[in-house]
N, C-alpha and C. Protein backbone atom coordinates (compact mmCIF):
# COMPACT_ATOMS: atom_id res chain seq x y z
N MET A 1 -3.47 11.59 24.37
CA MET A 1 -3.17 11.43 22.70
C MET A 1 -4.25 10.81 22.16
N SER A 2 -4.74 11.46 21.06
CA SER A 2 -5.98 11.02 20.33
C SER A 2 -5.54 9.69 19.59
N PHE A 3 -6.70 8.96 19.07
CA PHE A 3 -6.64 7.57 18.37
C PHE A 3 -5.74 7.86 17.09
N PHE A 4 -6.05 8.87 16.48
CA PHE A 4 -5.34 9.20 15.20
C PHE A 4 -4.14 9.85 15.31
N ASP A 5 -3.73 10.08 16.49
CA ASP A 5 -2.16 10.52 16.76
C ASP A 5 -1.32 9.75 17.41
N ASP A 6 -1.83 8.57 17.80
CA ASP A 6 -1.16 7.49 18.32
C ASP A 6 -0.27 6.53 17.29
N ASN A 7 0.76 6.41 17.41
CA ASN A 7 1.73 5.55 16.46
C ASN A 7 1.16 4.05 16.56
N LYS A 8 0.87 3.49 17.60
CA LYS A 8 0.31 2.31 17.99
C LYS A 8 -1.16 1.97 16.82
N THR A 9 -1.53 2.99 16.70
CA THR A 9 -2.86 2.96 15.77
C THR A 9 -2.45 2.61 14.43
N LEU A 10 -1.53 3.27 13.92
CA LEU A 10 -1.02 2.89 12.36
C LEU A 10 -0.41 1.62 12.50
N GLY A 11 0.54 1.32 13.45
CA GLY A 11 1.20 -0.01 13.61
C GLY A 11 0.35 -1.16 13.54
N THR A 12 -0.98 -1.00 14.35
CA THR A 12 -2.01 -2.18 14.36
C THR A 12 -2.48 -2.31 12.97
N ALA A 13 -2.87 -1.09 12.28
CA ALA A 13 -3.52 -1.25 11.08
C ALA A 13 -2.59 -1.95 9.90
N LEU A 14 -1.20 -1.48 9.93
CA LEU A 14 -0.31 -1.92 9.16
C LEU A 14 -0.27 -3.58 9.47
N ILE A 15 -0.10 -4.13 10.67
CA ILE A 15 -0.03 -5.35 11.02
C ILE A 15 -1.18 -6.16 10.41
N VAL A 16 -2.36 -5.56 10.69
CA VAL A 16 -3.67 -6.10 10.09
C VAL A 16 -3.71 -6.51 8.70
N ILE A 17 -3.27 -5.38 7.85
CA ILE A 17 -3.19 -5.48 6.34
C ILE A 17 -2.11 -6.36 5.99
N GLY A 18 -0.81 -6.33 6.52
CA GLY A 18 -0.01 -7.34 6.40
C GLY A 18 -0.33 -8.82 6.47
N ALA A 19 -0.83 -8.99 7.71
CA ALA A 19 -1.11 -10.26 7.97
C ALA A 19 -2.21 -10.79 7.06
N ILE A 20 -3.30 -10.20 6.79
CA ILE A 20 -4.35 -10.53 6.03
C ILE A 20 -3.70 -10.68 4.51
N GLN A 21 -3.17 -9.81 4.11
CA GLN A 21 -2.71 -9.81 2.58
C GLN A 21 -1.72 -11.09 2.58
N PHE A 22 -0.79 -11.32 3.54
CA PHE A 22 0.06 -12.48 3.51
C PHE A 22 -0.90 -13.84 3.47
N ILE A 23 -1.83 -13.89 4.20
CA ILE A 23 -2.77 -15.10 4.19
C ILE A 23 -3.45 -15.21 2.74
N LEU A 24 -3.92 -14.16 2.26
CA LEU A 24 -4.52 -14.29 0.97
C LEU A 24 -3.64 -14.54 -0.26
N GLY A 25 -2.29 -13.96 0.04
CA GLY A 25 -1.17 -14.19 -1.15
C GLY A 25 -0.95 -15.74 -1.00
N VAL A 26 -0.78 -16.33 0.28
CA VAL A 26 -0.16 -17.64 0.46
C VAL A 26 -1.41 -18.76 -0.34
N ALA A 27 -2.83 -18.18 0.08
CA ALA A 27 -3.92 -19.01 -0.35
C ALA A 27 -3.97 -18.98 -2.02
N SER A 28 -3.67 -17.78 -2.45
CA SER A 28 -3.59 -17.80 -4.04
C SER A 28 -2.45 -18.51 -4.42
N LEU A 29 -1.32 -18.61 -3.77
CA LEU A 29 -0.11 -19.45 -4.43
C LEU A 29 -0.44 -20.95 -4.25
N VAL A 30 -1.00 -21.40 -3.09
CA VAL A 30 -1.44 -22.72 -2.81
C VAL A 30 -2.26 -23.07 -3.87
N GLY A 31 -3.34 -22.13 -4.18
CA GLY A 31 -4.42 -22.60 -5.19
C GLY A 31 -3.82 -22.65 -6.47
N ALA A 32 -2.78 -21.92 -6.78
CA ALA A 32 -2.27 -21.98 -8.28
C ALA A 32 -1.36 -23.09 -8.33
N LEU A 33 -0.95 -23.70 -7.40
CA LEU A 33 -0.04 -24.89 -7.40
C LEU A 33 -0.86 -26.26 -7.02
N THR A 34 -2.13 -26.15 -6.88
CA THR A 34 -3.02 -27.28 -6.67
C THR A 34 -3.89 -27.96 -8.02
N ASP A 35 -4.01 -29.21 -8.29
CA ASP A 35 -4.74 -29.57 -9.18
C ASP A 35 -4.01 -28.93 -10.54
N GLY A 36 -2.75 -29.15 -10.61
CA GLY A 36 -2.13 -28.59 -11.93
C GLY A 36 -1.50 -27.27 -11.57
N ILE A 37 -0.34 -27.10 -12.10
CA ILE A 37 0.36 -25.90 -11.69
C ILE A 37 0.09 -24.66 -12.67
N ASP A 38 -0.37 -23.54 -11.93
CA ASP A 38 -0.49 -22.35 -12.84
C ASP A 38 0.64 -21.64 -12.56
N GLY A 39 1.59 -21.57 -13.53
CA GLY A 39 2.96 -20.91 -13.14
C GLY A 39 2.63 -19.11 -13.17
N PRO A 40 2.12 -18.61 -14.19
CA PRO A 40 1.75 -17.19 -14.12
C PRO A 40 1.03 -16.63 -12.81
N THR A 41 0.08 -17.61 -12.41
CA THR A 41 -0.63 -17.05 -11.09
C THR A 41 0.15 -17.38 -10.01
N ALA A 42 0.93 -18.43 -9.99
CA ALA A 42 1.78 -18.50 -8.61
C ALA A 42 2.84 -17.51 -8.55
N VAL A 43 3.54 -17.30 -9.51
CA VAL A 43 4.58 -16.10 -9.62
C VAL A 43 4.00 -14.94 -9.10
N ALA A 44 2.50 -14.61 -9.57
CA ALA A 44 2.25 -13.24 -9.33
C ALA A 44 1.73 -13.13 -7.99
N ALA A 45 1.44 -14.22 -7.17
CA ALA A 45 1.15 -14.24 -5.78
C ALA A 45 2.34 -14.14 -4.88
N ILE A 46 3.28 -14.15 -5.54
CA ILE A 46 4.65 -13.95 -4.59
C ILE A 46 4.82 -12.52 -4.41
N GLY A 47 4.38 -11.46 -5.24
CA GLY A 47 4.71 -10.25 -4.94
C GLY A 47 3.69 -9.65 -3.88
N PRO A 48 2.61 -9.99 -3.61
CA PRO A 48 1.77 -9.69 -2.65
C PRO A 48 2.25 -10.18 -1.25
N ILE A 49 2.81 -11.22 -1.45
CA ILE A 49 3.31 -12.19 -0.21
C ILE A 49 4.49 -11.05 0.33
N ILE A 50 5.28 -10.72 -0.58
CA ILE A 50 6.70 -10.15 -0.32
C ILE A 50 6.19 -8.70 0.46
N VAL A 51 5.13 -8.06 -0.42
CA VAL A 51 4.76 -6.58 0.20
C VAL A 51 3.95 -6.70 1.48
N ALA A 52 3.28 -7.91 1.73
CA ALA A 52 2.65 -7.94 2.92
C ALA A 52 3.64 -8.06 4.16
N ILE A 53 4.53 -8.73 3.89
CA ILE A 53 5.79 -8.90 4.92
C ILE A 53 6.45 -7.74 5.19
N LEU A 54 6.76 -6.89 4.25
CA LEU A 54 7.16 -5.65 4.35
C LEU A 54 6.27 -4.82 5.27
N TYR A 55 5.08 -4.59 4.97
CA TYR A 55 4.14 -3.93 5.69
C TYR A 55 3.89 -4.61 7.09
N PHE A 56 3.78 -5.76 7.19
CA PHE A 56 3.67 -6.26 8.51
C PHE A 56 5.02 -5.77 9.45
N ALA A 57 6.23 -5.96 8.81
CA ALA A 57 7.36 -5.51 9.63
C ALA A 57 7.38 -4.15 10.09
N PHE A 58 6.89 -3.34 8.97
CA PHE A 58 6.92 -1.95 9.30
C PHE A 58 5.92 -1.59 10.37
N GLY A 59 4.74 -2.18 10.28
CA GLY A 59 3.84 -2.07 11.33
C GLY A 59 4.28 -2.71 12.80
N VAL A 60 4.85 -3.60 12.75
CA VAL A 60 5.53 -3.99 14.19
C VAL A 60 6.57 -3.11 14.59
N LYS A 61 7.37 -2.38 13.90
CA LYS A 61 8.36 -1.52 14.35
C LYS A 61 7.74 0.08 14.95
N VAL A 62 6.69 0.26 14.01
CA VAL A 62 5.93 1.27 14.54
C VAL A 62 5.13 1.04 15.91
N ARG A 63 4.59 -0.17 15.89
CA ARG A 63 3.68 -0.39 17.17
C ARG A 63 4.64 -0.59 18.33
N ASN A 64 5.90 -1.06 18.19
CA ASN A 64 6.87 -1.42 19.31
C ASN A 64 7.74 -0.10 19.39
N ALA A 65 7.49 1.10 18.93
CA ALA A 65 8.20 2.42 19.09
C ALA A 65 9.57 2.17 18.60
N GLU A 66 9.77 1.36 17.61
CA GLU A 66 11.14 1.24 17.14
C GLU A 66 11.40 2.60 16.22
N ILE A 67 10.22 2.97 15.53
CA ILE A 67 10.34 4.01 14.75
C ILE A 67 9.38 4.93 15.31
N THR A 68 10.03 6.25 15.72
CA THR A 68 8.91 7.09 16.36
C THR A 68 8.88 8.52 15.93
N ASN A 69 9.91 8.98 15.00
CA ASN A 69 10.02 10.20 14.47
C ASN A 69 8.63 10.16 13.17
N LYS A 70 8.00 11.20 13.37
CA LYS A 70 6.73 11.27 12.57
C LYS A 70 7.12 11.47 11.07
N LEU A 71 8.28 12.21 10.78
CA LEU A 71 8.58 12.34 9.25
C LEU A 71 9.20 10.93 8.74
N ASP A 72 9.88 10.28 9.80
CA ASP A 72 10.50 8.70 9.33
C ASP A 72 9.34 7.83 8.99
N ILE A 73 8.21 7.84 9.77
CA ILE A 73 7.08 7.08 9.36
C ILE A 73 6.38 7.44 8.36
N LEU A 74 6.29 8.66 7.88
CA LEU A 74 5.55 9.10 6.75
C LEU A 74 6.48 8.92 5.69
N ALA A 75 7.60 8.95 5.66
CA ALA A 75 8.60 8.56 4.58
C ALA A 75 8.64 7.08 4.21
N THR A 76 8.76 6.25 5.38
CA THR A 76 8.91 5.09 5.15
C THR A 76 7.56 4.60 4.50
N TYR A 77 6.43 4.94 5.10
CA TYR A 77 5.16 4.36 4.44
C TYR A 77 5.03 4.77 2.91
N VAL A 78 5.39 6.01 2.70
CA VAL A 78 5.28 6.44 1.21
C VAL A 78 6.45 5.53 0.47
N LYS A 79 7.55 5.27 0.88
CA LYS A 79 8.43 4.55 0.18
C LYS A 79 7.98 3.16 0.04
N LEU A 80 7.32 2.57 1.15
CA LEU A 80 6.77 1.18 0.85
C LEU A 80 5.82 1.05 -0.27
N ALA A 81 4.95 1.99 -0.40
CA ALA A 81 4.03 2.26 -1.36
C ALA A 81 4.53 2.14 -2.62
N GLY A 82 5.73 2.91 -3.04
CA GLY A 82 6.27 2.72 -4.09
C GLY A 82 6.97 1.78 -4.47
N LEU A 83 7.58 1.05 -3.47
CA LEU A 83 8.22 -0.30 -3.51
C LEU A 83 7.21 -1.33 -3.78
N GLY A 84 6.11 -1.43 -3.17
CA GLY A 84 5.12 -2.43 -3.49
C GLY A 84 4.66 -2.47 -4.82
N ILE A 85 4.48 -1.19 -5.40
CA ILE A 85 4.05 -1.04 -6.84
C ILE A 85 5.11 -1.76 -7.84
N ILE A 86 6.43 -1.38 -7.62
CA ILE A 86 7.57 -2.11 -8.29
C ILE A 86 7.37 -3.73 -8.11
N ILE A 87 7.36 -4.25 -6.98
CA ILE A 87 7.47 -5.67 -6.63
C ILE A 87 6.08 -6.53 -7.41
N ASN A 88 5.06 -5.82 -6.97
CA ASN A 88 3.77 -6.45 -7.52
C ASN A 88 3.85 -6.40 -9.25
N ALA A 89 4.49 -5.34 -9.85
CA ALA A 89 4.40 -5.44 -11.21
C ALA A 89 5.39 -6.30 -11.69
N VAL A 90 6.52 -6.37 -10.94
CA VAL A 90 7.60 -7.41 -11.55
C VAL A 90 7.25 -8.83 -11.56
N PHE A 91 6.57 -9.04 -10.42
CA PHE A 91 6.17 -10.67 -10.18
C PHE A 91 4.79 -10.74 -10.93
N GLY A 92 4.11 -9.77 -11.17
CA GLY A 92 2.91 -9.72 -11.97
C GLY A 92 3.04 -9.79 -13.71
N LEU A 93 4.23 -9.56 -14.12
CA LEU A 93 4.52 -9.37 -15.48
C LEU A 93 4.21 -10.71 -16.21
N TRP A 94 4.55 -12.06 -15.71
CA TRP A 94 4.20 -13.20 -16.47
C TRP A 94 2.63 -13.38 -16.50
N ASN A 95 1.97 -12.89 -15.57
CA ASN A 95 0.52 -13.04 -15.64
C ASN A 95 -0.14 -11.98 -16.50
N SER A 96 0.47 -10.90 -16.71
CA SER A 96 0.05 -9.84 -17.58
C SER A 96 0.30 -10.29 -19.05
N TYR A 97 1.37 -10.97 -19.25
CA TYR A 97 1.76 -11.44 -20.58
C TYR A 97 0.63 -12.41 -21.12
N GLU A 98 0.44 -13.44 -20.15
CA GLU A 98 -0.60 -14.46 -20.46
C GLU A 98 -1.77 -13.79 -20.91
N ASP A 99 -2.18 -13.06 -19.98
CA ASP A 99 -3.57 -12.34 -20.21
C ASP A 99 -3.54 -11.48 -21.55
N ALA A 100 -2.57 -10.90 -21.97
CA ALA A 100 -2.46 -10.13 -23.29
C ALA A 100 -2.55 -11.10 -24.33
N THR A 101 -1.82 -12.23 -24.22
CA THR A 101 -1.80 -13.37 -25.19
C THR A 101 -3.14 -13.93 -25.29
N ALA A 102 -3.79 -14.12 -24.39
CA ALA A 102 -5.28 -14.95 -24.32
C ALA A 102 -6.22 -13.97 -24.95
N ALA A 103 -5.91 -12.51 -24.72
CA ALA A 103 -7.04 -11.70 -25.36
C ALA A 103 -6.56 -11.11 -26.59
N ASN A 104 -5.62 -11.77 -27.34
CA ASN A 104 -4.92 -11.28 -28.66
C ASN A 104 -4.55 -10.01 -28.75
N LYS A 105 -4.03 -9.54 -27.56
CA LYS A 105 -3.76 -7.95 -27.50
C LYS A 105 -1.86 -8.30 -27.67
N ASP A 106 -1.44 -7.08 -28.01
CA ASP A 106 -0.14 -6.93 -28.25
C ASP A 106 0.67 -7.13 -26.76
N VAL A 107 1.62 -8.07 -26.59
CA VAL A 107 2.28 -8.46 -25.55
C VAL A 107 3.20 -7.17 -25.11
N PHE A 108 3.29 -6.32 -26.02
CA PHE A 108 4.25 -5.25 -25.66
C PHE A 108 3.40 -4.28 -24.57
N LEU A 109 1.99 -4.71 -24.46
CA LEU A 109 1.30 -3.83 -23.41
C LEU A 109 1.70 -4.26 -22.23
N ALA A 110 2.05 -5.62 -21.83
CA ALA A 110 2.37 -6.11 -20.61
C ALA A 110 3.71 -5.35 -20.11
N LEU A 111 4.76 -5.22 -21.23
CA LEU A 111 6.02 -4.75 -21.02
C LEU A 111 5.88 -3.37 -20.60
N ALA A 112 5.18 -2.54 -21.41
CA ALA A 112 4.66 -1.21 -21.14
C ALA A 112 4.10 -0.97 -19.78
N GLY A 113 3.28 -1.84 -19.47
CA GLY A 113 2.61 -1.64 -18.09
C GLY A 113 3.80 -1.96 -16.84
N LEU A 114 4.65 -2.64 -17.32
CA LEU A 114 5.69 -2.88 -16.07
C LEU A 114 6.67 -1.74 -16.06
N ALA A 115 6.93 -1.21 -17.40
CA ALA A 115 7.81 0.04 -17.18
C ALA A 115 7.17 1.12 -16.77
N ILE A 116 6.03 1.25 -16.92
CA ILE A 116 5.23 2.46 -16.20
C ILE A 116 5.15 2.26 -14.71
N ALA A 117 4.90 1.13 -14.30
CA ALA A 117 4.95 0.92 -12.85
C ALA A 117 6.21 0.92 -12.22
N ILE A 118 7.21 0.60 -12.69
CA ILE A 118 8.49 0.79 -12.29
C ILE A 118 8.90 2.25 -12.07
N ILE A 119 8.62 2.99 -13.41
CA ILE A 119 8.82 4.48 -13.31
C ILE A 119 8.08 5.28 -11.98
N ILE A 120 6.49 4.75 -12.05
CA ILE A 120 5.89 5.43 -10.99
C ILE A 120 6.28 5.24 -9.57
N GLY A 121 6.93 3.93 -9.33
CA GLY A 121 7.17 3.21 -8.14
C GLY A 121 8.48 4.06 -7.65
N ILE A 122 9.35 4.31 -8.78
CA ILE A 122 10.71 5.01 -8.28
C ILE A 122 10.47 6.51 -8.20
N ILE A 123 9.39 7.20 -8.95
CA ILE A 123 9.21 8.43 -8.47
C ILE A 123 8.69 8.71 -7.07
N ILE A 124 7.75 7.63 -6.45
CA ILE A 124 7.17 7.56 -5.30
C ILE A 124 8.27 7.41 -4.19
N ILE A 125 9.17 6.51 -4.59
CA ILE A 125 10.38 6.25 -3.76
C ILE A 125 11.26 7.61 -3.60
N ALA A 126 11.48 8.18 -4.52
CA ALA A 126 12.29 9.42 -4.63
C ALA A 126 11.56 10.50 -3.81
N ILE A 127 10.15 10.59 -3.96
CA ILE A 127 9.57 11.59 -3.14
C ILE A 127 9.58 11.24 -1.63
N ALA A 128 9.57 10.06 -1.44
CA ALA A 128 9.70 9.51 0.06
C ALA A 128 11.05 9.80 0.72
N GLY A 129 12.03 9.81 -0.25
CA GLY A 129 13.28 10.42 0.22
C GLY A 129 13.60 11.68 0.51
N ARG A 130 12.69 12.57 -0.29
CA ARG A 130 12.62 13.85 0.17
C ARG A 130 12.11 14.44 1.35
N ILE A 131 11.17 13.66 1.79
CA ILE A 131 10.37 13.93 3.02
C ILE A 131 11.26 14.11 4.16
N ASN A 132 12.07 13.27 4.37
CA ASN A 132 12.93 13.21 5.62
C ASN A 132 14.58 13.48 5.56
N ASP A 133 14.74 14.15 4.39
CA ASP A 133 16.35 14.36 3.88
C ASP A 133 16.88 15.45 4.66
N GLY A 134 16.05 16.24 5.40
CA GLY A 134 16.37 17.42 6.41
C GLY A 134 16.63 18.66 5.49
N LYS A 135 16.28 18.77 4.18
CA LYS A 135 16.20 19.74 3.37
C LYS A 135 14.75 20.54 3.36
N LYS A 136 14.82 21.91 3.39
CA LYS A 136 13.41 22.57 3.53
C LYS A 136 13.52 23.48 2.16
N ASP A 137 12.80 23.13 1.06
CA ASP A 137 12.55 24.16 0.07
C ASP A 137 11.16 24.11 -0.40
N ASN A 138 10.86 24.64 -1.59
CA ASN A 138 9.30 24.91 -2.17
C ASN A 138 8.75 23.45 -2.68
N LEU A 139 9.79 22.43 -3.09
CA LEU A 139 9.60 21.27 -3.47
C LEU A 139 8.96 20.54 -2.25
N ASP A 140 9.35 20.62 -1.08
CA ASP A 140 8.74 19.95 -0.03
C ASP A 140 7.32 20.50 0.24
N ARG A 141 6.88 21.67 0.12
CA ARG A 141 5.70 22.24 0.14
C ARG A 141 4.78 21.46 -0.90
N VAL A 142 5.37 21.39 -2.05
CA VAL A 142 4.36 20.64 -3.07
C VAL A 142 4.04 19.52 -2.91
N ILE A 143 5.05 18.37 -2.30
CA ILE A 143 4.86 17.11 -2.02
C ILE A 143 3.92 17.16 -0.78
N TRP A 144 4.04 18.03 0.31
CA TRP A 144 3.25 18.17 1.22
C TRP A 144 1.63 18.25 0.92
N PHE A 145 1.44 19.27 -0.20
CA PHE A 145 0.07 19.33 -0.94
C PHE A 145 -0.38 18.17 -1.50
N ILE A 146 0.59 17.57 -2.26
CA ILE A 146 0.11 16.34 -2.92
C ILE A 146 -0.32 15.15 -2.26
N LEU A 147 0.58 15.06 -1.11
CA LEU A 147 0.00 13.87 -0.20
C LEU A 147 -1.05 14.15 0.67
N VAL A 148 -1.29 15.51 1.04
CA VAL A 148 -2.62 15.70 1.54
C VAL A 148 -3.74 15.35 0.70
N ILE A 149 -3.67 15.66 -0.62
CA ILE A 149 -4.68 15.43 -1.55
C ILE A 149 -4.81 14.03 -1.73
N LEU A 150 -3.80 13.25 -1.78
CA LEU A 150 -3.87 11.70 -2.18
C LEU A 150 -4.40 10.98 -1.05
N PHE A 151 -4.09 11.28 0.28
CA PHE A 151 -4.47 10.59 1.61
C PHE A 151 -5.96 10.83 1.80
N ALA A 152 -6.29 12.13 1.45
CA ALA A 152 -7.65 12.71 1.75
C ALA A 152 -8.79 11.88 0.53
N LEU A 153 -8.16 11.71 -0.69
CA LEU A 153 -8.77 10.89 -1.40
C LEU A 153 -8.97 9.66 -1.05
N GLY A 154 -7.90 8.95 -0.54
CA GLY A 154 -7.90 7.63 0.00
C GLY A 154 -8.97 7.54 1.09
N VAL A 155 -9.18 8.44 1.88
CA VAL A 155 -10.27 8.37 3.06
C VAL A 155 -11.52 8.32 2.38
N LEU A 156 -11.74 9.15 1.47
CA LEU A 156 -12.99 9.16 0.52
C LEU A 156 -13.59 7.65 -0.07
N ALA A 157 -12.31 7.29 -0.75
CA ALA A 157 -12.44 5.93 -1.63
C ALA A 157 -12.61 4.89 -0.50
N ASN A 158 -12.07 4.83 0.38
CA ASN A 158 -12.11 3.63 1.56
C ASN A 158 -13.43 3.85 2.11
N LEU A 159 -13.91 4.98 2.45
CA LEU A 159 -15.22 5.17 3.00
C LEU A 159 -16.26 4.85 1.98
N PHE A 160 -16.33 5.11 0.75
CA PHE A 160 -17.21 4.63 -0.19
C PHE A 160 -17.13 3.23 -0.20
N ALA A 161 -15.80 2.49 -0.46
CA ALA A 161 -15.92 1.12 -0.44
C ALA A 161 -16.40 0.39 0.75
N LEU A 162 -16.23 0.88 1.94
CA LEU A 162 -16.73 0.30 3.23
C LEU A 162 -18.30 0.44 3.09
N VAL A 163 -18.82 1.45 2.74
CA VAL A 163 -20.13 1.70 2.77
C VAL A 163 -21.09 0.83 1.70
N SER A 164 -20.18 0.67 0.55
CA SER A 164 -20.82 -0.10 -0.61
C SER A 164 -20.71 -1.53 -0.18
N ALA A 165 -19.78 -1.92 0.58
CA ALA A 165 -19.53 -3.33 0.99
C ALA A 165 -20.68 -3.58 2.09
N ILE A 166 -20.92 -2.67 2.99
CA ILE A 166 -22.06 -3.01 3.98
C ILE A 166 -23.56 -3.08 3.43
N ILE A 167 -23.59 -2.02 2.51
CA ILE A 167 -25.11 -1.81 1.73
C ILE A 167 -25.20 -3.30 0.90
N GLY A 168 -24.13 -3.56 0.14
CA GLY A 168 -24.44 -4.54 -0.88
C GLY A 168 -23.95 -6.00 -0.25
N ILE A 169 -24.08 -6.05 0.95
CA ILE A 169 -23.44 -7.47 1.68
C ILE A 169 -24.50 -8.45 0.94
N GLY A 170 -23.83 -9.67 0.53
CA GLY A 170 -24.42 -10.86 0.27
C GLY A 170 -24.22 -11.91 1.08
N ASN A 171 -23.78 -13.09 0.64
CA ASN A 171 -23.27 -14.17 1.21
C ASN A 171 -22.02 -13.95 1.95
N PHE A 172 -22.18 -14.27 3.28
CA PHE A 172 -20.99 -13.77 3.89
C PHE A 172 -19.85 -14.87 3.93
N SER A 173 -18.72 -14.35 3.87
CA SER A 173 -17.51 -15.43 3.51
C SER A 173 -16.21 -14.72 4.21
N LEU A 174 -15.27 -15.84 4.37
CA LEU A 174 -14.01 -15.24 4.92
C LEU A 174 -13.39 -14.50 3.98
N VAL A 175 -13.43 -14.43 2.77
CA VAL A 175 -12.81 -13.44 1.81
C VAL A 175 -13.62 -11.98 2.06
N TYR A 176 -14.86 -12.08 1.98
CA TYR A 176 -15.48 -10.93 2.36
C TYR A 176 -15.16 -10.05 3.68
N LEU A 177 -14.81 -11.10 4.60
CA LEU A 177 -14.47 -10.31 6.10
C LEU A 177 -13.10 -10.05 5.91
N ALA A 178 -12.39 -10.62 5.17
CA ALA A 178 -10.90 -10.31 5.05
C ALA A 178 -10.84 -8.86 4.20
N ASN A 179 -11.65 -8.79 3.03
CA ASN A 179 -11.58 -7.50 2.40
C ASN A 179 -12.25 -6.37 3.12
N MET A 180 -13.30 -6.70 3.97
CA MET A 180 -13.73 -5.59 4.95
C MET A 180 -12.82 -5.15 5.96
N LEU A 181 -12.00 -6.04 6.35
CA LEU A 181 -10.90 -5.49 7.54
C LEU A 181 -9.73 -4.86 6.80
N ILE A 182 -9.54 -5.26 5.74
CA ILE A 182 -8.36 -4.46 4.80
C ILE A 182 -8.83 -3.15 4.62
N THR A 183 -10.02 -2.84 4.18
CA THR A 183 -10.75 -1.71 3.82
C THR A 183 -10.67 -0.64 5.04
N ILE A 184 -11.24 -1.27 6.21
CA ILE A 184 -11.19 -0.65 7.40
C ILE A 184 -9.79 -0.13 7.74
N ALA A 185 -8.69 -1.23 7.75
CA ALA A 185 -7.37 -0.80 7.96
C ALA A 185 -6.71 0.36 7.10
N ASN A 186 -7.09 0.41 5.87
CA ASN A 186 -6.72 1.30 4.99
C ASN A 186 -7.15 2.68 5.22
N LEU A 187 -8.52 2.66 5.71
CA LEU A 187 -9.15 3.86 5.91
C LEU A 187 -8.68 4.54 7.22
N ILE A 188 -8.31 3.64 8.19
CA ILE A 188 -7.56 4.25 9.35
C ILE A 188 -6.20 4.61 9.03
N ILE A 189 -5.50 4.12 8.17
CA ILE A 189 -4.20 4.62 7.76
C ILE A 189 -4.18 5.72 6.99
N CYS A 190 -5.04 6.09 6.01
CA CYS A 190 -5.38 7.28 5.33
C CYS A 190 -5.74 8.46 6.26
N ILE A 191 -6.71 8.22 7.22
CA ILE A 191 -6.98 9.22 8.21
C ILE A 191 -5.59 9.65 9.03
N PHE A 192 -5.05 8.50 9.44
CA PHE A 192 -3.73 8.79 10.40
C PHE A 192 -2.78 9.55 9.48
N MET A 193 -2.57 9.24 8.30
CA MET A 193 -1.49 10.02 7.43
C MET A 193 -2.07 11.54 7.27
N VAL A 194 -3.36 11.83 7.10
CA VAL A 194 -3.78 13.38 7.12
C VAL A 194 -3.59 13.87 8.21
N CYS A 195 -3.88 13.24 9.41
CA CYS A 195 -3.53 13.98 10.47
C CYS A 195 -1.93 14.11 10.87
N LEU A 196 -1.16 13.19 10.27
CA LEU A 196 0.19 13.14 10.47
C LEU A 196 0.76 14.44 9.66
N LEU A 197 0.20 14.88 8.37
CA LEU A 197 0.78 15.67 7.91
C LEU A 197 0.31 16.98 8.10
N PHE A 198 -0.45 17.13 9.24
CA PHE A 198 -0.93 18.47 9.79
C PHE A 198 -0.18 18.60 11.11
N ASN A 199 0.58 17.45 11.66
CA ASN A 199 1.23 17.42 12.79
C ASN A 199 2.35 18.69 12.57
N LYS A 200 2.51 19.43 13.75
CA LYS A 200 3.35 20.36 13.81
C LYS A 200 4.96 20.14 13.47
N ASP A 201 5.40 19.17 13.92
CA ASP A 201 6.73 18.53 13.49
C ASP A 201 6.97 18.34 11.94
N VAL A 202 5.96 17.65 11.32
CA VAL A 202 5.87 17.19 10.05
C VAL A 202 5.88 18.48 9.25
N LYS A 203 4.83 19.41 9.54
CA LYS A 203 4.65 20.57 8.74
C LYS A 203 5.98 21.39 8.80
N GLU A 204 6.67 21.65 10.02
CA GLU A 204 7.88 22.34 10.04
C GLU A 204 9.12 21.50 9.27
N GLY A 205 9.06 20.17 9.39
CA GLY A 205 10.00 19.43 8.63
C GLY A 205 10.07 19.41 7.01
N MET A 206 8.75 19.84 6.50
CA MET A 206 8.13 19.83 5.18
C MET A 206 8.11 21.35 4.82
N ASN A 207 8.68 22.14 5.49
CA ASN A 207 8.60 23.73 5.10
C ASN A 207 7.70 24.32 4.89
N MET A 208 6.43 23.83 5.76
CA MET A 208 5.01 24.42 5.68
C MET A 208 4.78 25.53 7.02
């Protein structure tokens, strides 16, 4: 079994991302509650913490082989991506409102941003539901092609981010290390998902 075909690879990468994001989220929350309470920042930090826990829990299940079906793994990951967008948008609303007010912009933009994020999140969750619903039609093929393109772009984006971080390295810090590890983990996940989409069982399940 190759590195990018082993579910433990994905599980480990998800655990790494979840753990680091959780630590960064907690650090942001503590910072917002230290030396004067920054309500908007504190509330906004809760979203990433929740999302980090979800990814960590999913990673543990994948690594421990509690979830082994390739279609289920793909569908759950996509679903978490959509859910994460909604959660972060909801908890970030107060912060967005304050930013809009400080910049003398229409606060409606903050509400519009939340609405758009929720709509996008719901669409992604709906797409995830179609992945492993047992149906095989042309919509499954469209979703397959879209996912291949998105994850391939994710590979390129994370490669670019990784190379840029290495070339432009300045003062080393724990934040730099954390961001580097997250980028590497995201790169591994995107490559894994591209390989997963070309898996025989996944292609058959998505009518390819």
